[in-house]
């Protein structure tokens, strides 16, 4: 006669060890669903890279929590003069605007976060640095395309390169 360790032969009921295994699997599945569904990052991510003279292109990620961004792209010959991001309307497309800033040669990446704010929108720039860096500034710029035209004055900017 053959015995099965996970079932009671006479009643077909699960033994405590099988219940524990199934319970553990169910808890793991629930935890994975909760972690996967509640990362707190409901933003869409848009990626581009900015050409640099010496280093490889600088990766830029824009995280959009507004649902209004459709694309980003590098700006040719940006004219930023500040480490704090500056906004200007796109002269060609009313549904786009340009973000410029001065970055350093030691930046390894840049992240822009665009989110709704109580008074409009908030755009935050964060640049990742590597090591000590000489005080040299490089103008950087990204064109952000939107689903609708929004006034530049409704966007507050923060952070820096």
C-alpha atoms as a PDB file:
ATOM      1  CA  UNK A   1       0.000   0.000   0.000  1.00  0.00           C
ATOM      2  CA  UNK A   2       1.262   3.483  -0.865  1.00  0.00           C
ATOM      3  CA  UNK A   3       1.224   6.309   1.693  1.00  0.00           C
ATOM      4  CA  UNK A   4       0.987   9.978   0.823  1.00  0.00           C
ATOM      5  CA  UNK A   5       2.435  12.294   3.462  1.00  0.00           C
ATOM      6  CA  UNK A   6       0.218  15.253   2.532  1.00  0.00           C
ATOM      7  CA  UNK A   7      -3.206  13.656   2.667  1.00  0.00           C
ATOM      8  CA  UNK A   8      -5.149  11.577   5.118  1.00  0.00           C
ATOM      9  CA  UNK A   9      -5.753   8.306   3.218  1.00  0.00           C
ATOM     10  CA  UNK A  10      -9.072   7.554   4.813  1.00  0.00           C
ATOM     11  CA  UNK A  11     -10.720  10.991   4.472  1.00  0.00           C
ATOM     12  CA  UNK A  12      -8.717  12.726   1.712  1.00  0.00           C
ATOM     13  CA  UNK A  13      -8.264  15.782   3.989  1.00  0.00           C
ATOM     14  CA  UNK A  14      -5.102  17.867   3.872  1.00  0.00           C
ATOM     15  CA  UNK A  15      -2.578  17.429   6.639  1.00  0.00           C
ATOM     16  CA  UNK A  16      -1.271  20.423   8.624  1.00  0.00           C
ATOM     17  CA  UNK A  17       1.991  20.513   6.602  1.00  0.00           C
ATOM     18  CA  UNK A  18       0.104  20.803   3.325  1.00  0.00           C
ATOM     19  CA  UNK A  19      -2.103  23.548   4.789  1.00  0.00           C
ATOM     20  CA  UNK A  20       1.030  25.458   5.875  1.00  0.00           C
ATOM     21  CA  UNK A  21       2.585  25.162   2.419  1.00  0.00           C
ATOM     22  CA  UNK A  22      -0.599  26.308   0.693  1.00  0.00           C
ATOM     23  CA  UNK A  23      -1.032  29.137   3.204  1.00  0.00           C
ATOM     24  CA  UNK A  24       2.539  30.275   2.620  1.00  0.00           C
ATOM     25  CA  UNK A  25       2.034  30.217  -1.148  1.00  0.00           C
ATOM     26  CA  UNK A  26      -1.157  32.247  -0.847  1.00  0.00           C
ATOM     27  CA  UNK A  27       0.561  34.811   1.420  1.00  0.00           C
ATOM     28  CA  UNK A  28       3.487  35.089  -1.011  1.00  0.00           C
ATOM     29  CA  UNK A  29       1.113  35.610  -3.931  1.00  0.00           C
ATOM     30  CA  UNK A  30      -0.769  38.328  -2.043  1.00  0.00           C
ATOM     31  CA  UNK A  31       2.486  40.033  -1.009  1.00  0.00           C
ATOM     32  CA  UNK A  32       3.723  40.016  -4.616  1.00  0.00           C
ATOM     33  CA  UNK A  33       0.455  41.535  -5.821  1.00  0.00           C
ATOM     34  CA  UNK A  34       0.543  44.234  -3.136  1.00  0.00           C
ATOM     35  CA  UNK A  35       4.179  45.099  -3.789  1.00  0.00           C
ATOM     36  CA  UNK A  36       3.666  45.074  -7.550  1.00  0.00           C
ATOM     37  CA  UNK A  37       0.508  47.153  -7.453  1.00  0.00           C
ATOM     38  CA  UNK A  38       1.403  49.680  -4.786  1.00  0.00           C
ATOM     39  CA  UNK A  39       4.874  50.899  -5.601  1.00  0.00           C
ATOM     40  CA  UNK A  40       3.606  54.443  -5.215  1.00  0.00           C
ATOM     41  CA  UNK A  41       4.996  55.224  -8.652  1.00  0.00           C
ATOM     42  CA  UNK A  42       2.008  55.846 -10.868  1.00  0.00           C
ATOM     43  CA  UNK A  43       4.179  57.982 -13.121  1.00  0.00           C
ATOM     44  CA  UNK A  44       4.903  57.248 -16.738  1.00  0.00           C
ATOM     45  CA  UNK A  45       8.597  57.309 -17.556  1.00  0.00           C
ATOM     46  CA  UNK A  46       9.999  58.959 -20.676  1.00  0.00           C
ATOM     47  CA  UNK A  47      13.675  58.578 -21.596  1.00  0.00           C
ATOM     48  CA  UNK A  48      16.161  60.415 -23.767  1.00  0.00           C
ATOM     49  CA  UNK A  49      19.873  61.194 -23.686  1.00  0.00           C
ATOM     50  CA  UNK A  50      21.766  64.435 -24.093  1.00  0.00           C
ATOM     51  CA  UNK A  51      24.910  64.495 -26.212  1.00  0.00           C
ATOM     52  CA  UNK A  52      28.104  65.505 -24.417  1.00  0.00           C
ATOM     53  CA  UNK A  53      31.451  66.532 -25.854  1.00  0.00           C
ATOM     54  CA  UNK A  54      33.676  64.178 -23.860  1.00  0.00           C
ATOM     55  CA  UNK A  55      31.568  61.590 -22.028  1.00  0.00           C
ATOM     56  CA  UNK A  56      28.924  59.243 -23.375  1.00  0.00           C
ATOM     57  CA  UNK A  57      25.440  60.768 -23.719  1.00  0.00           C
ATOM     58  CA  UNK A  58      23.787  61.813 -20.452  1.00  0.00           C
ATOM     59  CA  UNK A  59      20.673  59.694 -19.756  1.00  0.00           C
ATOM     60  CA  UNK A  60      17.596  61.723 -18.795  1.00  0.00           C
ATOM     61  CA  UNK A  61      14.376  60.273 -17.385  1.00  0.00           C
ATOM     62  CA  UNK A  62      11.149  62.226 -16.991  1.00  0.00           C
ATOM     63  CA  UNK A  63       8.587  60.770 -14.580  1.00  0.00           C
ATOM     64  CA  UNK A  64       5.157  62.159 -15.390  1.00  0.00           C
ATOM     65  CA  UNK A  65       2.403  61.930 -12.791  1.00  0.00           C
ATOM     66  CA  UNK A  66       0.073  64.232 -14.729  1.00  0.00           C
ATOM     67  CA  UNK A  67      -0.649  61.906 -17.641  1.00  0.00           C
ATOM     68  CA  UNK A  68      -0.119  64.889 -19.958  1.00  0.00           C
ATOM     69  CA  UNK A  69       3.416  64.250 -21.254  1.00  0.00           C
ATOM     70  CA  UNK A  70       3.632  62.533 -24.629  1.00  0.00           C
ATOM     71  CA  UNK A  71       7.402  62.656 -25.307  1.00  0.00           C
ATOM     72  CA  UNK A  72      10.743  64.231 -24.435  1.00  0.00           C
ATOM     73  CA  UNK A  73      13.730  64.957 -26.629  1.00  0.00           C
ATOM     74  CA  UNK A  74      17.089  66.718 -26.347  1.00  0.00           C
ATOM     75  CA  UNK A  75      17.337  70.397 -27.207  1.00  0.00           C
ATOM     76  CA  UNK A  76      19.922  71.403 -29.775  1.00  0.00           C
ATOM     77  CA  UNK A  77      22.177  74.177 -28.458  1.00  0.00           C
ATOM     78  CA  UNK A  78      20.453  74.790 -25.104  1.00  0.00           C
ATOM     79  CA  UNK A  79      20.932  78.247 -23.626  1.00  0.00           C
ATOM     80  CA  UNK A  80      20.478  77.553 -19.918  1.00  0.00           C
ATOM     81  CA  UNK A  81      22.278  79.908 -17.563  1.00  0.00           C
ATOM     82  CA  UNK A  82      21.284  78.494 -14.179  1.00  0.00           C
ATOM     83  CA  UNK A  83      21.744  75.241 -12.262  1.00  0.00           C
ATOM     84  CA  UNK A  84      18.069  75.621 -11.302  1.00  0.00           C
ATOM     85  CA  UNK A  85      15.878  74.524 -14.211  1.00  0.00           C
ATOM     86  CA  UNK A  86      14.403  77.311 -16.314  1.00  0.00           C
ATOM     87  CA  UNK A  87      11.304  76.969 -18.481  1.00  0.00           C
ATOM     88  CA  UNK A  88      10.584  78.605 -21.790  1.00  0.00           C
ATOM     89  CA  UNK A  89       7.692  78.028 -24.171  1.00  0.00           C
ATOM     90  CA  UNK A  90       8.559  76.071 -27.289  1.00  0.00           C
ATOM     91  CA  UNK A  91       8.597  78.650 -30.111  1.00  0.00           C
ATOM     92  CA  UNK A  92       7.211  76.144 -32.624  1.00  0.00           C
ATOM     93  CA  UNK A  93       4.702  74.021 -30.682  1.00  0.00           C
ATOM     94  CA  UNK A  94       2.241  75.512 -28.137  1.00  0.00           C
ATOM     95  CA  UNK A  95       1.818  72.016 -26.635  1.00  0.00           C
ATOM     96  CA  UNK A  96       5.496  71.847 -25.665  1.00  0.00           C
ATOM     97  CA  UNK A  97       7.972  73.647 -23.447  1.00  0.00           C
ATOM     98  CA  UNK A  98      11.730  73.588 -23.001  1.00  0.00           C
ATOM     99  CA  UNK A  99      13.560  72.956 -19.735  1.00  0.00           C
ATOM    100  CA  UNK A 100      17.155  74.206 -19.582  1.00  0.00           C
ATOM    101  CA  UNK A 101      19.782  74.072 -16.837  1.00  0.00           C
ATOM    102  CA  UNK A 102      23.531  74.172 -16.338  1.00  0.00           C
ATOM    103  CA  UNK A 103      24.963  70.757 -15.517  1.00  0.00           C
ATOM    104  CA  UNK A 104      28.417  69.635 -14.520  1.00  0.00           C
ATOM    105  CA  UNK A 105      30.837  67.256 -16.217  1.00  0.00           C
ATOM    106  CA  UNK A 106      30.431  64.748 -13.367  1.00  0.00           C
ATOM    107  CA  UNK A 107      26.705  64.164 -13.806  1.00  0.00           C
ATOM    108  CA  UNK A 108      25.960  60.527 -14.485  1.00  0.00           C
ATOM    109  CA  UNK A 109      22.217  61.020 -15.126  1.00  0.00           C
ATOM    110  CA  UNK A 110      19.339  63.446 -14.681  1.00  0.00           C
ATOM    111  CA  UNK A 111      15.774  62.843 -13.548  1.00  0.00           C
ATOM    112  CA  UNK A 112      12.865  65.204 -14.014  1.00  0.00           C
ATOM    113  CA  UNK A 113       9.634  64.678 -12.075  1.00  0.00           C
ATOM    114  CA  UNK A 114       6.490  66.385 -13.355  1.00  0.00           C
ATOM    115  CA  UNK A 115       3.474  66.257 -11.042  1.00  0.00           C
ATOM    116  CA  UNK A 116       0.255  68.124 -10.303  1.00  0.00           C
ATOM    117  CA  UNK A 117       0.540  70.691  -7.533  1.00  0.00           C
ATOM    118  CA  UNK A 118      -2.022  72.656  -5.534  1.00  0.00           C
ATOM    119  CA  UNK A 119      -1.453  75.712  -7.729  1.00  0.00           C
ATOM    120  CA  UNK A 120      -0.675  73.996 -11.041  1.00  0.00           C
ATOM    121  CA  UNK A 121       2.319  71.740 -11.652  1.00  0.00           C
ATOM    122  CA  UNK A 122       5.697  71.006 -10.084  1.00  0.00           C
ATOM    123  CA  UNK A 123       8.793  70.109 -12.119  1.00  0.00           C
ATOM    124  CA  UNK A 124      11.774  68.871 -10.083  1.00  0.00           C
ATOM    125  CA  UNK A 125      15.253  68.214 -11.493  1.00  0.00           C
ATOM    126  CA  UNK A 126      17.643  65.824  -9.753  1.00  0.00           C
ATOM    127  CA  UNK A 127      21.094  65.102 -11.180  1.00  0.00           C
ATOM    128  CA  UNK A 128      23.150  62.115 -10.058  1.00  0.00           C
ATOM    129  CA  UNK A 129      26.821  62.954  -9.471  1.00  0.00           C
ATOM    130  CA  UNK A 130      29.930  60.808  -9.516  1.00  0.00           C
ATOM    131  CA  UNK A 131      32.994  61.831  -7.534  1.00  0.00           C
ATOM    132  CA  UNK A 132      34.604  65.239  -7.158  1.00  0.00           C
ATOM    133  CA  UNK A 133      33.877  67.600  -9.977  1.00  0.00           C
ATOM    134  CA  UNK A 134      35.514  70.720 -11.421  1.00  0.00           C
ATOM    135  CA  UNK A 135      33.372  73.835 -11.484  1.00  0.00           C
ATOM    136  CA  UNK A 136      32.606  73.725 -15.183  1.00  0.00           C
ATOM    137  CA  UNK A 137      29.070  74.197 -16.418  1.00  0.00           C
ATOM    138  CA  UNK A 138      27.473  72.696 -19.498  1.00  0.00           C
ATOM    139  CA  UNK A 139      24.138  73.959 -20.781  1.00  0.00           C
ATOM    140  CA  UNK A 140      21.572  71.187 -20.960  1.00  0.00           C
ATOM    141  CA  UNK A 141      18.038  71.150 -22.300  1.00  0.00           C
ATOM    142  CA  UNK A 142      15.039  68.909 -22.843  1.00  0.00           C
ATOM    143  CA  UNK A 143      11.898  69.586 -24.875  1.00  0.00           C
ATOM    144  CA  UNK A 144       8.744  68.196 -23.233  1.00  0.00           C
ATOM    145  CA  UNK A 145       5.726  67.554 -25.457  1.00  0.00           C
ATOM    146  CA  UNK A 146       2.284  67.641 -23.841  1.00  0.00           C
ATOM    147  CA  UNK A 147      -1.245  66.553 -24.743  1.00  0.00           C
ATOM    148  CA  UNK A 148      -2.484  70.133 -24.174  1.00  0.00           C
ATOM    149  CA  UNK A 149      -0.943  73.565 -24.066  1.00  0.00           C
ATOM    150  CA  UNK A 150      -0.398  74.738 -20.489  1.00  0.00           C
ATOM    151  CA  UNK A 151       0.889  78.128 -19.347  1.00  0.00           C
ATOM    152  CA  UNK A 152       4.525  78.108 -18.284  1.00  0.00           C
ATOM    153  CA  UNK A 153       3.503  80.265 -15.302  1.00  0.00           C
ATOM    154  CA  UNK A 154       1.506  77.304 -13.931  1.00  0.00           C
ATOM    155  CA  UNK A 155       4.699  75.235 -13.523  1.00  0.00           C
ATOM    156  CA  UNK A 156       6.880  75.693 -10.440  1.00  0.00           C
ATOM    157  CA  UNK A 157      10.454  74.444 -10.852  1.00  0.00           C
ATOM    158  CA  UNK A 158      12.822  73.101  -8.203  1.00  0.00           C
ATOM    159  CA  UNK A 159      16.046  71.170  -7.870  1.00  0.00           C
ATOM    160  CA  UNK A 160      19.127  71.616  -9.941  1.00  0.00           C
ATOM    161  CA  UNK A 161      21.913  70.136 -11.921  1.00  0.00           C
END
